[in-house]
Amino acid sequence: MTDGMRNHNANHVDFEFLMGVIKSNLKFQASDIGMVMERKNKFLFAEWKRDGQELKDMKDGQKRLLKSLSNQDNNTVWIIEGYSLPSERHIGRIYKLKQNKIILLGTGESCLLKKINAWYDYAENS
């Protein structure tokens, strides 16, 4: 596999400076998404959460964003418990968000790779 991240020392972007930029909605805030893949106008979004980060503890704005994305026809949204670093990775549970439901897809790296391939086949052939 190729090296997917160009700068392994890159910091996460701190969007705090944007808080209050919309005067009519002072809490409006930017959000990042851990992974995006696209094939033939089909999108796979995945938010990665470290083990121990509870889904219920996700910020409300991020929950709304992911739910909204998951309810759009061309989008698939997953939440993946785990991490991937240059020297190691751990993939725990993989969830799919759809119609305000959280569905457990499986666990582990082999499951994730199979699910990505299944998503790619769906995108390629629909």
C-alpha atoms as a PDB file:
ATOM      1  CA  MET A   1       0.000   0.000   0.000  1.00  0.00           C
ATOM      2  CA  THR A   2       1.082   3.575  -0.548  1.00  0.00           C
ATOM      3  CA  ASP A   3       1.646   6.098   2.169  1.00  0.00           C
ATOM      4  CA  GLY A   4      -1.760   7.778   2.498  1.00  0.00           C
ATOM      5  CA  MET A   5      -0.730  10.718   4.643  1.00  0.00           C
ATOM      6  CA  ARG A   6       1.924  13.043   3.322  1.00  0.00           C
ATOM      7  CA  ASN A   7       2.904  14.612   6.626  1.00  0.00           C
ATOM      8  CA  HIS A   8       2.653  12.265   9.590  1.00  0.00           C
ATOM      9  CA  ASN A   9       3.575  15.130  11.919  1.00  0.00           C
ATOM     10  CA  ALA A  10       0.730  17.357  10.761  1.00  0.00           C
ATOM     11  CA  ASN A  11      -1.383  18.806  13.531  1.00  0.00           C
ATOM     12  CA  HIS A  12      -5.132  18.794  13.522  1.00  0.00           C
ATOM     13  CA  VAL A  13      -6.628  22.099  12.475  1.00  0.00           C
ATOM     14  CA  ASP A  14      -8.015  24.108  15.366  1.00  0.00           C
ATOM     15  CA  PHE A  15     -11.201  25.773  14.131  1.00  0.00           C
ATOM     16  CA  GLU A  16     -11.772  27.713  17.360  1.00  0.00           C
ATOM     17  CA  PHE A  17     -10.893  30.972  15.593  1.00  0.00           C
ATOM     18  CA  LEU A  18     -14.052  30.563  13.478  1.00  0.00           C
ATOM     19  CA  MET A  19     -16.341  30.508  16.508  1.00  0.00           C
ATOM     20  CA  GLY A  20     -18.586  33.557  16.233  1.00  0.00           C
ATOM     21  CA  VAL A  21     -17.856  34.297  12.578  1.00  0.00           C
ATOM     22  CA  ILE A  22     -21.600  34.000  11.792  1.00  0.00           C
ATOM     23  CA  LYS A  23     -23.106  36.802  13.835  1.00  0.00           C
ATOM     24  CA  SER A  24     -26.646  35.377  13.671  1.00  0.00           C
ATOM     25  CA  ASN A  25     -25.406  31.959  14.916  1.00  0.00           C
ATOM     26  CA  LEU A  26     -22.453  32.465  17.243  1.00  0.00           C
ATOM     27  CA  LYS A  27     -22.047  28.725  17.923  1.00  0.00           C
ATOM     28  CA  PHE A  28     -21.798  27.802  14.215  1.00  0.00           C
ATOM     29  CA  GLN A  29     -18.538  25.906  13.878  1.00  0.00           C
ATOM     30  CA  ALA A  30     -16.421  24.018  11.361  1.00  0.00           C
ATOM     31  CA  SER A  31     -15.958  20.277  11.662  1.00  0.00           C
ATOM     32  CA  ASP A  32     -13.482  17.832  10.228  1.00  0.00           C
ATOM     33  CA  ILE A  33     -14.101  14.300   9.029  1.00  0.00           C
ATOM     34  CA  GLY A  34     -11.433  11.645   9.413  1.00  0.00           C
ATOM     35  CA  MET A  35     -11.741   9.960   6.024  1.00  0.00           C
ATOM     36  CA  VAL A  36     -13.492  10.600   2.698  1.00  0.00           C
ATOM     37  CA  MET A  37     -13.483   8.391  -0.399  1.00  0.00           C
ATOM     38  CA  GLU A  38     -15.265   9.103  -3.684  1.00  0.00           C
ATOM     39  CA  ARG A  39     -16.112   6.884  -6.629  1.00  0.00           C
ATOM     40  CA  LYS A  40     -18.508   7.857  -9.428  1.00  0.00           C
ATOM     41  CA  ASN A  41     -20.218  10.530  -7.340  1.00  0.00           C
ATOM     42  CA  LYS A  42     -20.709   8.145  -4.398  1.00  0.00           C
ATOM     43  CA  PHE A  43     -19.058   9.183  -1.137  1.00  0.00           C
ATOM     44  CA  LEU A  44     -17.826   7.211   1.840  1.00  0.00           C
ATOM     45  CA  PHE A  45     -17.289   9.363   4.939  1.00  0.00           C
ATOM     46  CA  ALA A  46     -15.726   7.864   8.048  1.00  0.00           C
ATOM     47  CA  GLU A  47     -15.103   9.486  11.392  1.00  0.00           C
ATOM     48  CA  TRP A  48     -12.383   7.777  13.415  1.00  0.00           C
ATOM     49  CA  LYS A  49     -12.680   7.719  17.187  1.00  0.00           C
ATOM     50  CA  ARG A  50     -10.032   6.422  19.554  1.00  0.00           C
ATOM     51  CA  ASP A  51     -11.001   3.461  21.690  1.00  0.00           C
ATOM     52  CA  GLY A  52     -12.675   4.744  24.804  1.00  0.00           C
ATOM     53  CA  GLN A  53     -14.209   7.750  23.067  1.00  0.00           C
ATOM     54  CA  GLU A  54     -17.897   7.107  23.465  1.00  0.00           C
ATOM     55  CA  LEU A  55     -20.157   7.737  20.499  1.00  0.00           C
ATOM     56  CA  LYS A  56     -22.612   9.377  22.868  1.00  0.00           C
ATOM     57  CA  ASP A  57     -19.867  11.873  23.810  1.00  0.00           C
ATOM     58  CA  MET A  58     -19.456  13.107  20.227  1.00  0.00           C
ATOM     59  CA  LYS A  59     -20.133  16.842  19.904  1.00  0.00           C
ATOM     60  CA  ASP A  60     -23.699  17.685  18.901  1.00  0.00           C
ATOM     61  CA  GLY A  61     -22.628  19.580  15.781  1.00  0.00           C
ATOM     62  CA  GLN A  62     -20.577  16.638  14.544  1.00  0.00           C
ATOM     63  CA  LYS A  63     -23.472  14.262  15.222  1.00  0.00           C
ATOM     64  CA  ARG A  64     -25.805  16.495  13.204  1.00  0.00           C
ATOM     65  CA  LEU A  65     -23.291  16.737  10.362  1.00  0.00           C
ATOM     66  CA  LEU A  66     -22.760  12.977  10.138  1.00  0.00           C
ATOM     67  CA  LYS A  67     -26.485  12.226  10.405  1.00  0.00           C
ATOM     68  CA  SER A  68     -27.256  14.754   7.674  1.00  0.00           C
ATOM     69  CA  LEU A  69     -24.586  13.278   5.407  1.00  0.00           C
ATOM     70  CA  SER A  70     -25.865   9.750   6.071  1.00  0.00           C
ATOM     71  CA  ASN A  71     -29.386  10.674   4.978  1.00  0.00           C
ATOM     72  CA  GLN A  72     -28.256  11.799   1.511  1.00  0.00           C
ATOM     73  CA  ASP A  73     -28.606   9.165  -1.198  1.00  0.00           C
ATOM     74  CA  ASN A  74     -25.030   9.173  -2.523  1.00  0.00           C
ATOM     75  CA  ASN A  75     -23.388   9.090   0.893  1.00  0.00           C
ATOM     76  CA  THR A  76     -22.312   6.293   3.199  1.00  0.00           C
ATOM     77  CA  VAL A  77     -21.203   7.272   6.708  1.00  0.00           C
ATOM     78  CA  TRP A  78     -19.228   5.101   9.116  1.00  0.00           C
ATOM     79  CA  ILE A  79     -17.776   5.606  12.570  1.00  0.00           C
ATOM     80  CA  ILE A  80     -14.627   3.588  13.165  1.00  0.00           C
ATOM     81  CA  GLU A  81     -13.195   2.976  16.612  1.00  0.00           C
ATOM     82  CA  GLY A  82      -9.433   2.880  16.302  1.00  0.00           C
ATOM     83  CA  TYR A  83      -6.420   4.650  14.875  1.00  0.00           C
ATOM     84  CA  SER A  84      -3.863   4.351  12.109  1.00  0.00           C
ATOM     85  CA  LEU A  85      -0.302   5.565  12.547  1.00  0.00           C
ATOM     86  CA  PRO A  86       2.783   4.960  10.386  1.00  0.00           C
ATOM     87  CA  SER A  87       4.109   2.314  12.765  1.00  0.00           C
ATOM     88  CA  GLU A  88       0.899   0.732  14.029  1.00  0.00           C
ATOM     89  CA  ARG A  89      -2.850   0.642  13.729  1.00  0.00           C
ATOM     90  CA  HIS A  90      -5.810  -0.728  15.579  1.00  0.00           C
ATOM     91  CA  ILE A  91      -9.293  -1.056  14.169  1.00  0.00           C
ATOM     92  CA  GLY A  92     -12.050  -1.925  16.598  1.00  0.00           C
ATOM     93  CA  ARG A  93     -15.769  -1.680  15.944  1.00  0.00           C
ATOM     94  CA  ILE A  94     -17.111  -0.246  12.705  1.00  0.00           C
ATOM     95  CA  TYR A  95     -20.552   1.369  12.680  1.00  0.00           C
ATOM     96  CA  LYS A  96     -22.773   2.628   9.875  1.00  0.00           C
ATOM     97  CA  LEU A  97     -25.053   5.612  10.335  1.00  0.00           C
ATOM     98  CA  LYS A  98     -28.323   5.506   8.411  1.00  0.00           C
ATOM     99  CA  GLN A  99     -31.667   7.175   9.027  1.00  0.00           C
ATOM    100  CA  ASN A 100     -30.659   8.233  12.535  1.00  0.00           C
ATOM    101  CA  LYS A 101     -29.660   4.669  13.456  1.00  0.00           C
ATOM    102  CA  ILE A 102     -26.221   3.346  14.363  1.00  0.00           C
ATOM    103  CA  ILE A 103     -25.655  -0.167  13.003  1.00  0.00           C
ATOM    104  CA  LEU A 104     -22.672  -2.316  13.985  1.00  0.00           C
ATOM    105  CA  LEU A 105     -21.022  -3.583  10.780  1.00  0.00           C
ATOM    106  CA  GLY A 106     -18.243  -5.597  12.384  1.00  0.00           C
ATOM    107  CA  THR A 107     -14.866  -5.437  14.046  1.00  0.00           C
ATOM    108  CA  GLY A 108     -11.255  -5.361  12.962  1.00  0.00           C
ATOM    109  CA  GLU A 109      -9.046  -4.508  10.033  1.00  0.00           C
ATOM    110  CA  SER A 110     -10.117  -7.400   7.803  1.00  0.00           C
ATOM    111  CA  CYS A 111     -13.766  -6.401   8.257  1.00  0.00           C
ATOM    112  CA  LEU A 112     -12.939  -2.775   7.401  1.00  0.00           C
ATOM    113  CA  LEU A 113     -11.089  -3.799   4.237  1.00  0.00           C
ATOM    114  CA  LYS A 114     -13.993  -6.034   3.156  1.00  0.00           C
ATOM    115  CA  LYS A 115     -16.503  -3.233   3.809  1.00  0.00           C
ATOM    116  CA  ILE A 116     -14.452  -0.732   1.813  1.00  0.00           C
ATOM    117  CA  ASN A 117     -14.271  -3.181  -1.088  1.00  0.00           C
ATOM    118  CA  ALA A 118     -18.033  -3.794  -0.885  1.00  0.00           C
ATOM    119  CA  TRP A 119     -18.661  -0.037  -0.864  1.00  0.00           C
ATOM    120  CA  TYR A 120     -16.362   0.388  -3.878  1.00  0.00           C
ATOM    121  CA  ASP A 121     -18.208  -2.352  -5.784  1.00  0.00           C
ATOM    122  CA  TYR A 122     -21.521  -0.655  -4.963  1.00  0.00           C
ATOM    123  CA  ALA A 123     -20.222   2.722  -6.147  1.00  0.00           C
ATOM    124  CA  GLU A 124     -18.648   1.263  -9.271  1.00  0.00           C
ATOM    125  CA  ASN A 125     -21.771  -0.653 -10.331  1.00  0.00           C
ATOM    126  CA  SER A 126     -24.651   1.628  -9.412  1.00  0.00           C
END
